[in-house]
Amino acid sequence: MLKGITWPVLLILESDDLLYYLSSVEALNTELENHYLSHSDTCILLEQTGQQYNLALPKKDNPSSSYSLNPVDTLDLHVFNQMVRNHLSARQQCCVLKIAISSFEQGFKLVLNTSED
């Protein structure tokens, strides 16, 4: 279940520099159904507070099962800053080394502004 999550969140996939801004559980379900289920076994949801959750996906042989969340350590803002830089670089933004966010909310806004429609 995805109860207890404060939306929006960022979906972080293992071995992917892109960060995926999700405004609701419906947006998460859409993204997972479209392509993430087959691309990554490790997914993390990140709230604007820095709280991270490991997202265990439903079993492919039992698609009716629900997702499960396990809280993990709060992400360090310096680590998140680098993740945002990597995301911006992957989106071919310029001058990403000069980016220095001062809050998770600021980083979320940068990700949202560079998301694909």
PDB file of N, CA and C in Angstrom:
ATOM      1  N   MET A   1       0.830  -1.180   0.000  1.00  0.00           N
ATOM      2  CA  MET A   1       0.000   0.000   0.000  1.00  0.00           C
ATOM      3  C   MET A   1       0.875   1.244   0.000  1.00  0.00           C
ATOM      4  N   LEU A   2       0.349   2.302  -0.523  1.00  0.00           N
ATOM      5  CA  LEU A   2       1.085   3.555  -0.595  1.00  0.00           C
ATOM      6  C   LEU A   2       0.515   4.589   0.363  1.00  0.00           C
ATOM      7  N   LYS A   3      -0.067   4.127   1.452  1.00  0.00           N
ATOM      8  CA  LYS A   3      -0.594   5.053   2.452  1.00  0.00           C
ATOM      9  C   LYS A   3       0.556   5.685   3.209  1.00  0.00           C
ATOM     10  N   GLY A   4       0.353   6.912   3.626  1.00  0.00           N
ATOM     11  CA  GLY A   4       1.378   7.588   4.410  1.00  0.00           C
ATOM     12  C   GLY A   4       2.350   8.411   3.587  1.00  0.00           C
ATOM     13  N   ILE A   5       2.278   8.295   2.291  1.00  0.00           N
ATOM     14  CA  ILE A   5       3.167   9.079   1.427  1.00  0.00           C
ATOM     15  C   ILE A   5       2.604  10.485   1.284  1.00  0.00           C
ATOM     16  N   THR A   6       3.478  11.464   1.342  1.00  0.00           N
ATOM     17  CA  THR A   6       3.097  12.851   1.105  1.00  0.00           C
ATOM     18  C   THR A   6       3.491  13.197  -0.325  1.00  0.00           C
ATOM     19  N   TRP A   7       2.507  13.482  -1.136  1.00  0.00           N
ATOM     20  CA  TRP A   7       2.726  13.776  -2.550  1.00  0.00           C
ATOM     21  C   TRP A   7       2.980  15.257  -2.727  1.00  0.00           C
ATOM     22  N   PRO A   8       3.760  15.668  -3.709  1.00  0.00           N
ATOM     23  CA  PRO A   8       4.393  14.875  -4.754  1.00  0.00           C
ATOM     24  C   PRO A   8       5.631  14.138  -4.233  1.00  0.00           C
ATOM     25  N   VAL A   9       6.089  13.197  -5.067  1.00  0.00           N
ATOM     26  CA  VAL A   9       7.306  12.454  -4.775  1.00  0.00           C
ATOM     27  C   VAL A   9       8.147  12.402  -6.040  1.00  0.00           C
ATOM     28  N   LEU A  10       9.381  12.010  -5.863  1.00  0.00           N
ATOM     29  CA  LEU A  10      10.228  11.687  -7.007  1.00  0.00           C
ATOM     30  C   LEU A  10      10.436  10.187  -7.023  1.00  0.00           C
ATOM     31  N   LEU A  11      10.327   9.609  -8.196  1.00  0.00           N
ATOM     32  CA  LEU A  11      10.639   8.202  -8.385  1.00  0.00           C
ATOM     33  C   LEU A  11      12.084   8.121  -8.834  1.00  0.00           C
ATOM     34  N   ILE A  12      12.864   7.351  -8.108  1.00  0.00           N
ATOM     35  CA  ILE A  12      14.283   7.187  -8.411  1.00  0.00           C
ATOM     36  C   ILE A  12      14.500   5.721  -8.782  1.00  0.00           C
ATOM     37  N   LEU A  13      15.039   5.503  -9.954  1.00  0.00           N
ATOM     38  CA  LEU A  13      15.303   4.148 -10.427  1.00  0.00           C
ATOM     39  C   LEU A  13      16.794   3.877 -10.390  1.00  0.00           C
ATOM     40  N   GLU A  14      17.127   2.678 -10.004  1.00  0.00           N
ATOM     41  CA  GLU A  14      18.528   2.271  -9.965  1.00  0.00           C
ATOM     42  C   GLU A  14      19.144   2.419 -11.354  1.00  0.00           C
ATOM     43  N   SER A  15      20.341   2.947 -11.410  1.00  0.00           N
ATOM     44  CA  SER A  15      21.109   3.106 -12.660  1.00  0.00           C
ATOM     45  C   SER A  15      20.433   4.035 -13.668  1.00  0.00           C
ATOM     46  N   ASP A  16      19.695   5.025 -13.184  1.00  0.00           N
ATOM     47  CA  ASP A  16      19.050   5.989 -14.067  1.00  0.00           C
ATOM     48  C   ASP A  16      19.264   7.375 -13.466  1.00  0.00           C
ATOM     49  N   ASP A  17      19.871   8.276 -14.215  1.00  0.00           N
ATOM     50  CA  ASP A  17      20.102   9.633 -13.718  1.00  0.00           C
ATOM     51  C   ASP A  17      18.834  10.477 -13.693  1.00  0.00           C
ATOM     52  N   LEU A  18      17.852  10.106 -14.489  1.00  0.00           N
ATOM     53  CA  LEU A  18      16.618  10.891 -14.519  1.00  0.00           C
ATOM     54  C   LEU A  18      15.814  10.670 -13.246  1.00  0.00           C
ATOM     55  N   LEU A  19      15.208  11.738 -12.778  1.00  0.00           N
ATOM     56  CA  LEU A  19      14.302  11.699 -11.640  1.00  0.00           C
ATOM     57  C   LEU A  19      12.908  11.946 -12.189  1.00  0.00           C
ATOM     58  N   TYR A  20      11.933  11.220 -11.690  1.00  0.00           N
ATOM     59  CA  TYR A  20      10.582  11.276 -12.235  1.00  0.00           C
ATOM     60  C   TYR A  20       9.639  11.884 -11.200  1.00  0.00           C
ATOM     61  N   TYR A  21       9.117  13.061 -11.512  1.00  0.00           N
ATOM     62  CA  TYR A  21       8.209  13.801 -10.640  1.00  0.00           C
ATOM     63  C   TYR A  21       6.824  13.184 -10.755  1.00  0.00           C
ATOM     64  N   LEU A  22       6.269  12.803  -9.618  1.00  0.00           N
ATOM     65  CA  LEU A  22       4.942  12.192  -9.591  1.00  0.00           C
ATOM     66  C   LEU A  22       4.067  12.950  -8.606  1.00  0.00           C
ATOM     67  N   SER A  23       2.952  13.442  -9.084  1.00  0.00           N
ATOM     68  CA  SER A  23       2.085  14.269  -8.250  1.00  0.00           C
ATOM     69  C   SER A  23       1.078  13.465  -7.441  1.00  0.00           C
ATOM     70  N   SER A  24       0.860  12.187  -7.802  1.00  0.00           N
ATOM     71  CA  SER A  24      -0.167  11.396  -7.127  1.00  0.00           C
ATOM     72  C   SER A  24       0.108   9.907  -7.295  1.00  0.00           C
ATOM     73  N   VAL A  25      -0.639   9.106  -6.539  1.00  0.00           N
ATOM     74  CA  VAL A  25      -0.520   7.656  -6.670  1.00  0.00           C
ATOM     75  C   VAL A  25      -0.956   7.215  -8.069  1.00  0.00           C
ATOM     76  N   GLU A  26      -1.905   7.922  -8.654  1.00  0.00           N
ATOM     77  CA  GLU A  26      -2.349   7.595 -10.007  1.00  0.00           C
ATOM     78  C   GLU A  26      -1.219   7.802 -11.017  1.00  0.00           C
ATOM     79  N   ALA A  27      -0.458   8.877 -10.838  1.00  0.00           N
ATOM     80  CA  ALA A  27       0.689   9.122 -11.722  1.00  0.00           C
ATOM     81  C   ALA A  27       1.733   8.031 -11.559  1.00  0.00           C
ATOM     82  N   LEU A  28       1.953   7.586 -10.332  1.00  0.00           N
ATOM     83  CA  LEU A  28       2.897   6.486 -10.092  1.00  0.00           C
ATOM     84  C   LEU A  28       2.416   5.229 -10.798  1.00  0.00           C
ATOM     85  N   ASN A  29       1.156   4.886 -10.630  1.00  0.00           N
ATOM     86  CA  ASN A  29       0.629   3.677 -11.275  1.00  0.00           C
ATOM     87  C   ASN A  29       0.772   3.740 -12.787  1.00  0.00           C
ATOM     88  N   THR A  30       0.500   4.894 -13.362  1.00  0.00           N
ATOM     89  CA  THR A  30       0.631   5.058 -14.808  1.00  0.00           C
ATOM     90  C   THR A  30       2.074   4.848 -15.246  1.00  0.00           C
ATOM     91  N   GLU A  31       3.010   5.482 -14.553  1.00  0.00           N
ATOM     92  CA  GLU A  31       4.417   5.344 -14.932  1.00  0.00           C
ATOM     93  C   GLU A  31       4.904   3.905 -14.786  1.00  0.00           C
ATOM     94  N   LEU A  32       4.532   3.258 -13.714  1.00  0.00           N
ATOM     95  CA  LEU A  32       4.967   1.877 -13.506  1.00  0.00           C
ATOM     96  C   LEU A  32       4.360   0.949 -14.541  1.00  0.00           C
ATOM     97  N   GLU A  33       3.098   1.155 -14.861  1.00  0.00           N
ATOM     98  CA  GLU A  33       2.454   0.307 -15.857  1.00  0.00           C
ATOM     99  C   GLU A  33       3.037   0.526 -17.243  1.00  0.00           C
ATOM    100  N   ASN A  34       3.437   1.757 -17.543  1.00  0.00           N
ATOM    101  CA  ASN A  34       3.946   2.054 -18.878  1.00  0.00           C
ATOM    102  C   ASN A  34       5.279   1.389 -19.177  1.00  0.00           C
ATOM    103  N   HIS A  35       6.241   1.477 -18.230  1.00  0.00           N
ATOM    104  CA  HIS A  35       7.527   0.894 -18.588  1.00  0.00           C
ATOM    105  C   HIS A  35       8.466   0.557 -17.446  1.00  0.00           C
ATOM    106  N   TYR A  36       8.264   1.009 -16.270  1.00  0.00           N
ATOM    107  CA  TYR A  36       9.263   0.778 -15.235  1.00  0.00           C
ATOM    108  C   TYR A  36       9.283  -0.638 -14.693  1.00  0.00           C
ATOM    109  N   LEU A  37       8.166  -1.326 -14.726  1.00  0.00           N
ATOM    110  CA  LEU A  37       8.130  -2.664 -14.147  1.00  0.00           C
ATOM    111  C   LEU A  37       9.155  -3.586 -14.786  1.00  0.00           C
ATOM    112  N   SER A  38       9.427  -3.408 -16.055  1.00  0.00           N
ATOM    113  CA  SER A  38      10.367  -4.292 -16.733  1.00  0.00           C
ATOM    114  C   SER A  38      11.791  -3.748 -16.742  1.00  0.00           C
ATOM    115  N   HIS A  39      11.995  -2.529 -16.282  1.00  0.00           N
ATOM    116  CA  HIS A  39      13.309  -1.909 -16.405  1.00  0.00           C
ATOM    117  C   HIS A  39      14.113  -1.856 -15.113  1.00  0.00           C
ATOM    118  N   SER A  40      13.471  -1.971 -13.993  1.00  0.00           N
ATOM    119  CA  SER A  40      14.211  -1.806 -12.754  1.00  0.00           C
ATOM    120  C   SER A  40      13.555  -2.585 -11.636  1.00  0.00           C
ATOM    121  N   ASP A  41      14.376  -3.264 -10.872  1.00  0.00           N
ATOM    122  CA  ASP A  41      13.861  -3.955  -9.703  1.00  0.00           C
ATOM    123  C   ASP A  41      13.929  -3.067  -8.478  1.00  0.00           C
ATOM    124  N   THR A  42      14.758  -2.040  -8.527  1.00  0.00           N
ATOM    125  CA  THR A  42      14.938  -1.163  -7.376  1.00  0.00           C
ATOM    126  C   THR A  42      14.350   0.198  -7.663  1.00  0.00           C
ATOM    127  N   CYS A  43      13.321   0.550  -6.905  1.00  0.00           N
ATOM    128  CA  CYS A  43      12.679   1.851  -7.026  1.00  0.00           C
ATOM    129  C   CYS A  43      12.639   2.495  -5.651  1.00  0.00           C
ATOM    130  N   ILE A  44      12.878   3.786  -5.629  1.00  0.00           N
ATOM    131  CA  ILE A  44      12.798   4.548  -4.392  1.00  0.00           C
ATOM    132  C   ILE A  44      11.855   5.715  -4.624  1.00  0.00           C
ATOM    133  N   LEU A  45      10.994   5.960  -3.657  1.00  0.00           N
ATOM    134  CA  LEU A  45      10.182   7.168  -3.670  1.00  0.00           C
ATOM    135  C   LEU A  45      10.797   8.140  -2.684  1.00  0.00           C
ATOM    136  N   LEU A  46      10.918   9.389  -3.086  1.00  0.00           N
ATOM    137  CA  LEU A  46      11.499  10.433  -2.254  1.00  0.00           C
ATOM    138  C   LEU A  46      10.476  11.530  -2.039  1.00  0.00           C
ATOM    139  N   GLU A  47      10.177  11.816  -0.779  1.00  0.00           N
ATOM    140  CA  GLU A  47       9.275  12.911  -0.441  1.00  0.00           C
ATOM    141  C   GLU A  47      10.057  14.212  -0.355  1.00  0.00           C
ATOM    142  N   GLN A  48       9.327  15.332  -0.352  1.00  0.00           N
ATOM    143  CA  GLN A  48       9.973  16.645  -0.262  1.00  0.00           C
ATOM    144  C   GLN A  48      10.639  16.887   1.088  1.00  0.00           C
ATOM    145  N   THR A  49      10.404  16.033   2.038  1.00  0.00           N
ATOM    146  CA  THR A  49      11.072  16.132   3.339  1.00  0.00           C
ATOM    147  C   THR A  49      12.435  15.457   3.308  1.00  0.00           C
ATOM    148  N   GLY A  50      12.712  14.709   2.241  1.00  0.00           N
ATOM    149  CA  GLY A  50      13.942  13.944   2.154  1.00  0.00           C
ATOM    150  C   GLY A  50      13.764  12.497   2.577  1.00  0.00           C
ATOM    151  N   GLN A  51      12.565  12.148   3.084  1.00  0.00           N
ATOM    152  CA  GLN A  51      12.290  10.763   3.486  1.00  0.00           C
ATOM    153  C   GLN A  51      12.257   9.882   2.243  1.00  0.00           C
ATOM    154  N   GLN A  52      12.962   8.769   2.319  1.00  0.00           N
ATOM    155  CA  GLN A  52      13.009   7.817   1.213  1.00  0.00           C
ATOM    156  C   GLN A  52      12.244   6.560   1.592  1.00  0.00           C
ATOM    157  N   TYR A  53      11.674   5.918   0.586  1.00  0.00           N
ATOM    158  CA  TYR A  53      10.982   4.650   0.758  1.00  0.00           C
ATOM    159  C   TYR A  53      11.414   3.700  -0.349  1.00  0.00           C
ATOM    160  N   ASN A  54      11.812   2.482   0.022  1.00  0.00           N
ATOM    161  CA  ASN A  54      12.006   1.450  -0.977  1.00  0.00           C
ATOM    162  C   ASN A  54      10.624   1.011  -1.416  1.00  0.00           C
ATOM    163  N   LEU A  55      10.423   0.962  -2.711  1.00  0.00           N
ATOM    164  CA  LEU A  55       9.139   0.576  -3.278  1.00  0.00           C
ATOM    165  C   LEU A  55       9.283  -0.827  -3.839  1.00  0.00           C
ATOM    166  N   ALA A  56       8.591  -1.769  -3.211  1.00  0.00           N
ATOM    167  CA  ALA A  56       8.579  -3.143  -3.716  1.00  0.00           C
ATOM    168  C   ALA A  56       7.401  -3.261  -4.664  1.00  0.00           C
ATOM    169  N   LEU A  57       7.694  -3.646  -5.883  1.00  0.00           N
ATOM    170  CA  LEU A  57       6.681  -3.712  -6.923  1.00  0.00           C
ATOM    171  C   LEU A  57       5.888  -5.008  -6.837  1.00  0.00           C
ATOM    172  N   PRO A  58       4.670  -5.011  -7.390  1.00  0.00           N
ATOM    173  CA  PRO A  58       3.899  -6.256  -7.417  1.00  0.00           C
ATOM    174  C   PRO A  58       4.629  -7.318  -8.233  1.00  0.00           C
ATOM    175  N   LYS A  59       4.416  -8.550  -7.879  1.00  0.00           N
ATOM    176  CA  LYS A  59       5.012  -9.660  -8.632  1.00  0.00           C
ATOM    177  C   LYS A  59       4.395  -9.705 -10.024  1.00  0.00           C
ATOM    178  N   LYS A  60       5.235  -9.972 -11.019  1.00  0.00           N
ATOM    179  CA  LYS A  60       4.741 -10.005 -12.396  1.00  0.00           C
ATOM    180  C   LYS A  60       3.703 -11.105 -12.598  1.00  0.00           C
ATOM    181  N   ASP A  61       3.828 -12.200 -11.842  1.00  0.00           N
ATOM    182  CA  ASP A  61       2.859 -13.278 -11.974  1.00  0.00           C
ATOM    183  C   ASP A  61       1.597 -13.040 -11.142  1.00  0.00           C
ATOM    184  N   ASN A  62       1.586 -11.940 -10.363  1.00  0.00           N
ATOM    185  CA  ASN A  62       0.424 -11.589  -9.554  1.00  0.00           C
ATOM    186  C   ASN A  62       0.199 -10.079  -9.623  1.00  0.00           C
ATOM    187  N   PRO A  63      -0.224  -9.574 -10.793  1.00  0.00           N
ATOM    188  CA  PRO A  63      -0.361  -8.129 -10.959  1.00  0.00           C
ATOM    189  C   PRO A  63      -1.403  -7.490 -10.052  1.00  0.00           C
ATOM    190  N   SER A  64      -2.283  -8.285  -9.458  1.00  0.00           N
ATOM    191  CA  SER A  64      -3.294  -7.706  -8.579  1.00  0.00           C
ATOM    192  C   SER A  64      -2.742  -7.404  -7.188  1.00  0.00           C
ATOM    193  N   SER A  65      -1.537  -7.890  -6.889  1.00  0.00           N
ATOM    194  CA  SER A  65      -0.956  -7.585  -5.582  1.00  0.00           C
ATOM    195  C   SER A  65      -0.587  -6.106  -5.531  1.00  0.00           C
ATOM    196  N   SER A  66      -0.478  -5.586  -4.327  1.00  0.00           N
ATOM    197  CA  SER A  66      -0.219  -4.152  -4.191  1.00  0.00           C
ATOM    198  C   SER A  66       1.268  -3.887  -3.972  1.00  0.00           C
ATOM    199  N   TYR A  67       1.644  -2.639  -4.128  1.00  0.00           N
ATOM    200  CA  TYR A  67       3.001  -2.208  -3.853  1.00  0.00           C
ATOM    201  C   TYR A  67       3.202  -2.205  -2.350  1.00  0.00           C
ATOM    202  N   SER A  68       4.441  -2.298  -1.942  1.00  0.00           N
ATOM    203  CA  SER A  68       4.731  -2.137  -0.521  1.00  0.00           C
ATOM    204  C   SER A  68       5.880  -1.140  -0.373  1.00  0.00           C
ATOM    205  N   LEU A  69       5.844  -0.418   0.730  1.00  0.00           N
ATOM    206  CA  LEU A  69       6.834   0.606   1.020  1.00  0.00           C
ATOM    207  C   LEU A  69       7.565   0.269   2.298  1.00  0.00           C
ATOM    208  N   ASN A  70       8.862   0.503   2.276  1.00  0.00           N
ATOM    209  CA  ASN A  70       9.675   0.366   3.476  1.00  0.00           C
ATOM    210  C   ASN A  70      10.481   1.637   3.629  1.00  0.00           C
ATOM    211  N   PRO A  71      10.256   2.389   4.717  1.00  0.00           N
ATOM    212  CA  PRO A  71      11.035   3.616   4.905  1.00  0.00           C
ATOM    213  C   PRO A  71      12.508   3.291   5.111  1.00  0.00           C
ATOM    214  N   VAL A  72      13.352   4.119   4.538  1.00  0.00           N
ATOM    215  CA  VAL A  72      14.800   4.007   4.728  1.00  0.00           C
ATOM    216  C   VAL A  72      15.309   5.364   5.181  1.00  0.00           C
ATOM    217  N   ASP A  73      16.593   5.486   5.356  1.00  0.00           N
ATOM    218  CA  ASP A  73      17.173   6.725   5.863  1.00  0.00           C
ATOM    219  C   ASP A  73      16.754   7.939   5.037  1.00  0.00           C
ATOM    220  N   THR A  74      16.695   9.062   5.711  1.00  0.00           N
ATOM    221  CA  THR A  74      16.446  10.330   5.033  1.00  0.00           C
ATOM    222  C   THR A  74      17.644  10.653   4.147  1.00  0.00           C
ATOM    223  N   LEU A  75      17.374  11.101   2.950  1.00  0.00           N
ATOM    224  CA  LEU A  75      18.432  11.431   2.002  1.00  0.00           C
ATOM    225  C   LEU A  75      19.125  12.723   2.422  1.00  0.00           C
ATOM    226  N   ASP A  76      20.430  12.740   2.326  1.00  0.00           N
ATOM    227  CA  ASP A  76      21.213  13.937   2.624  1.00  0.00           C
ATOM    228  C   ASP A  76      21.004  14.957   1.503  1.00  0.00           C
ATOM    229  N   LEU A  77      20.830  16.215   1.869  1.00  0.00           N
ATOM    230  CA  LEU A  77      20.585  17.274   0.881  1.00  0.00           C
ATOM    231  C   LEU A  77      21.741  17.396  -0.111  1.00  0.00           C
ATOM    232  N   HIS A  78      22.980  17.173   0.323  1.00  0.00           N
ATOM    233  CA  HIS A  78      24.128  17.250  -0.592  1.00  0.00           C
ATOM    234  C   HIS A  78      24.068  16.135  -1.639  1.00  0.00           C
ATOM    235  N   VAL A  79      23.634  14.958  -1.217  1.00  0.00           N
ATOM    236  CA  VAL A  79      23.481  13.840  -2.158  1.00  0.00           C
ATOM    237  C   VAL A  79      22.363  14.160  -3.146  1.00  0.00           C
ATOM    238  N   PHE A  80      21.262  14.715  -2.638  1.00  0.00           N
ATOM    239  CA  PHE A  80      20.150  15.088  -3.510  1.00  0.00           C
ATOM    240  C   PHE A  80      20.576  16.159  -4.503  1.00  0.00           C
ATOM    241  N   ASN A  81      21.386  17.102  -4.068  1.00  0.00           N
ATOM    242  CA  ASN A  81      21.887  18.143  -4.964  1.00  0.00           C
ATOM    243  C   ASN A  81      22.611  17.516  -6.157  1.00  0.00           C
ATOM    244  N   GLN A  82      23.435  16.514  -5.890  1.00  0.00           N
ATOM    245  CA  GLN A  82      24.153  15.848  -6.979  1.00  0.00           C
ATOM    246  C   GLN A  82      23.194  15.073  -7.875  1.00  0.00           C
ATOM    247  N   MET A  83      22.175  14.478  -7.283  1.00  0.00           N
ATOM    248  CA  MET A  83      21.177  13.757  -8.073  1.00  0.00           C
ATOM    249  C   MET A  83      20.445  14.728  -9.007  1.00  0.00           C
ATOM    250  N   VAL A  84      20.112  15.902  -8.504  1.00  0.00           N
ATOM    251  CA  VAL A  84      19.443  16.911  -9.332  1.00  0.00           C
ATOM    252  C   VAL A  84      20.378  17.362 -10.449  1.00  0.00           C
ATOM    253  N   ARG A  85      21.644  17.565 -10.137  1.00  0.00           N
ATOM    254  CA  ARG A  85      22.613  17.927 -11.186  1.00  0.00           C
ATOM    255  C   ARG A  85      22.673  16.854 -12.267  1.00  0.00           C
ATOM    256  N   ASN A  86      22.739  15.580 -11.848  1.00  0.00           N
ATOM    257  CA  ASN A  86      22.785  14.479 -12.811  1.00  0.00           C
ATOM    258  C   ASN A  86      21.526  14.448 -13.669  1.00  0.00           C
ATOM    259  N   HIS A  87      20.386  14.697 -13.034  1.00  0.00           N
ATOM    260  CA  HIS A  87      19.116  14.743 -13.766  1.00  0.00           C
ATOM    261  C   HIS A  87      19.149  15.867 -14.808  1.00  0.00           C
ATOM    262  N   LEU A  88      19.563  17.046 -14.386  1.00  0.00           N
ATOM    263  CA  LEU A  88      19.607  18.184 -15.307  1.00  0.00           C
ATOM    264  C   LEU A  88      20.580  17.942 -16.449  1.00  0.00           C
ATOM    265  N   SER A  89      21.696  17.324 -16.142  1.00  0.00           N
ATOM    266  CA  SER A  89      22.664  16.997 -17.181  1.00  0.00           C
ATOM    267  C   SER A  89      22.064  16.006 -18.178  1.00  0.00           C
ATOM    268  N   ALA A  90      21.352  15.006 -17.682  1.00  0.00           N
ATOM    269  CA  ALA A  90      20.710  14.030 -18.563  1.00  0.00           C
ATOM    270  C   ALA A  90      19.632  14.686 -19.420  1.00  0.00           C
ATOM    271  N   ARG A  91      19.051  15.762 -18.923  1.00  0.00           N
ATOM    272  CA  ARG A  91      18.050  16.528 -19.682  1.00  0.00           C
ATOM    273  C   ARG A  91      18.705  17.597 -20.555  1.00  0.00           C
ATOM    274  N   GLN A  92      20.037  17.568 -20.633  1.00  0.00           N
ATOM    275  CA  GLN A  92      20.842  18.447 -21.475  1.00  0.00           C
ATOM    276  C   GLN A  92      20.685  19.912 -21.115  1.00  0.00           C
ATOM    277  N   GLN A  93      20.579  20.179 -19.818  1.00  0.00           N
ATOM    278  CA  GLN A  93      20.564  21.550 -19.323  1.00  0.00           C
ATOM    279  C   GLN A  93      22.012  22.026 -19.215  1.00  0.00           C
ATOM    280  N   CYS A  94      22.236  23.302 -19.348  1.00  0.00           N
ATOM    281  CA  CYS A  94      23.597  23.816 -19.276  1.00  0.00           C
ATOM    282  C   CYS A  94      23.932  24.303 -17.866  1.00  0.00           C
ATOM    283  N   CYS A  95      25.198  24.412 -17.596  1.00  0.00           N
ATOM    284  CA  CYS A  95      25.724  24.985 -16.349  1.00  0.00           C
ATOM    285  C   CYS A  95      25.250  24.253 -15.098  1.00  0.00           C
ATOM    286  N   VAL A  96      25.111  22.948 -15.170  1.00  0.00           N
ATOM    287  CA  VAL A  96      24.574  22.207 -14.032  1.00  0.00           C
ATOM    288  C   VAL A  96      25.528  22.190 -12.833  1.00  0.00           C
ATOM    289  N   LEU A  97      26.809  22.377 -13.079  1.00  0.00           N
ATOM    290  CA  LEU A  97      27.753  22.393 -11.961  1.00  0.00           C
ATOM    291  C   LEU A  97      27.540  23.589 -11.043  1.00  0.00           C
ATOM    292  N   LYS A  98      26.890  24.617 -11.565  1.00  0.00           N
ATOM    293  CA  LYS A  98      26.625  25.806 -10.763  1.00  0.00           C
ATOM    294  C   LYS A  98      25.374  25.660  -9.895  1.00  0.00           C
ATOM    295  N   ILE A  99      24.606  24.611 -10.124  1.00  0.00           N
ATOM    296  CA  ILE A  99      23.368  24.395  -9.370  1.00  0.00           C
ATOM    297  C   ILE A  99      23.718  24.034  -7.931  1.00  0.00           C
ATOM    298  N   ALA A 100      23.116  24.738  -7.007  1.00  0.00           N
ATOM    299  CA  ALA A 100      23.278  24.448  -5.580  1.00  0.00           C
ATOM    300  C   ALA A 100      21.928  24.685  -4.909  1.00  0.00           C
ATOM    301  N   ILE A 101      21.179  23.608  -4.731  1.00  0.00           N
ATOM    302  CA  ILE A 101      19.861  23.750  -4.116  1.00  0.00           C
ATOM    303  C   ILE A 101      20.009  23.878  -2.612  1.00  0.00           C
ATOM    304  N   SER A 102      19.068  24.577  -2.004  1.00  0.00           N
ATOM    305  CA  SER A 102      19.114  24.770  -0.554  1.00  0.00           C
ATOM    306  C   SER A 102      17.990  24.038   0.165  1.00  0.00           C
ATOM    307  N   SER A 103      17.123  23.360  -0.608  1.00  0.00           N
ATOM    308  CA  SER A 103      16.038  22.597   0.009  1.00  0.00           C
ATOM    309  C   SER A 103      15.575  21.512  -0.956  1.00  0.00           C
ATOM    310  N   PHE A 104      14.919  20.510  -0.416  1.00  0.00           N
ATOM    311  CA  PHE A 104      14.351  19.466  -1.263  1.00  0.00           C
ATOM    312  C   PHE A 104      13.259  20.049  -2.149  1.00  0.00           C
ATOM    313  N   GLU A 105      12.475  20.969  -1.615  1.00  0.00           N
ATOM    314  CA  GLU A 105      11.407  21.596  -2.389  1.00  0.00           C
ATOM    315  C   GLU A 105      11.972  22.291  -3.628  1.00  0.00           C
ATOM    316  N   GLN A 106      13.084  22.970  -3.477  1.00  0.00           N
ATOM    317  CA  GLN A 106      13.719  23.651  -4.606  1.00  0.00           C
ATOM    318  C   GLN A 106      14.159  22.636  -5.661  1.00  0.00           C
ATOM    319  N   GLY A 107      14.722  21.523  -5.216  1.00  0.00           N
ATOM    320  CA  GLY A 107      15.132  20.466  -6.145  1.00  0.00           C
ATOM    321  C   GLY A 107      13.946  19.857  -6.869  1.00  0.00           C
ATOM    322  N   PHE A 108      12.843  19.655  -6.144  1.00  0.00           N
ATOM    323  CA  PHE A 108      11.634  19.117  -6.761  1.00  0.00           C
ATOM    324  C   PHE A 108      11.145  20.046  -7.869  1.00  0.00           C
ATOM    325  N   LYS A 109      11.193  21.356  -7.624  1.00  0.00           N
ATOM    326  CA  LYS A 109      10.744  22.318  -8.636  1.00  0.00           C
ATOM    327  C   LYS A 109      11.621  22.253  -9.881  1.00  0.00           C
ATOM    328  N   LEU A 110      12.927  22.107  -9.697  1.00  0.00           N
ATOM    329  CA  LEU A 110      13.821  21.986 -10.850  1.00  0.00           C
ATOM    330  C   LEU A 110      13.501  20.728 -11.651  1.00  0.00           C
ATOM    331  N   VAL A 111      13.250  19.632 -10.957  1.00  0.00           N
ATOM    332  CA  VAL A 111      12.915  18.389 -11.650  1.00  0.00           C
ATOM    333  C   VAL A 111      11.597  18.550 -12.399  1.00  0.00           C
ATOM    334  N   LEU A 112      10.591  19.116 -11.742  1.00  0.00           N
ATOM    335  CA  LEU A 112       9.295  19.317 -12.391  1.00  0.00           C
ATOM    336  C   LEU A 112       9.434  20.191 -13.631  1.00  0.00           C
ATOM    337  N   ASN A 113      10.223  21.239 -13.558  1.00  0.00           N
ATOM    338  CA  ASN A 113      10.389  22.150 -14.688  1.00  0.00           C
ATOM    339  C   ASN A 113      11.142  21.539 -15.854  1.00  0.00           C
ATOM    340  N   THR A 114      11.829  20.440 -15.629  1.00  0.00           N
ATOM    341  CA  THR A 114      12.580  19.792 -16.715  1.00  0.00           C
ATOM    342  C   THR A 114      12.020  18.428 -17.062  1.00  0.00           C
ATOM    343  N   SER A 115      10.813  18.127 -16.578  1.00  0.00           N
ATOM    344  CA  SER A 115      10.189  16.840 -16.886  1.00  0.00           C
ATOM    345  C   SER A 115       9.585  16.865 -18.271  1.00  0.00           C
ATOM    346  N   GLU A 116       9.523  15.686 -18.865  1.00  0.00           N
ATOM    347  CA  GLU A 116       8.847  15.569 -20.155  1.00  0.00           C
ATOM    348  C   GLU A 116       7.355  15.569 -19.903  1.00  0.00           C
ATOM    349  N   ASP A 117       6.614  16.079 -20.854  1.00  0.00           N
ATOM    350  CA  ASP A 117       5.152  16.085 -20.720  1.00  0.00           C
ATOM    351  C   ASP A 117       4.558  14.741 -21.044  1.00  0.00           C
TER     352      ASP A 117
END
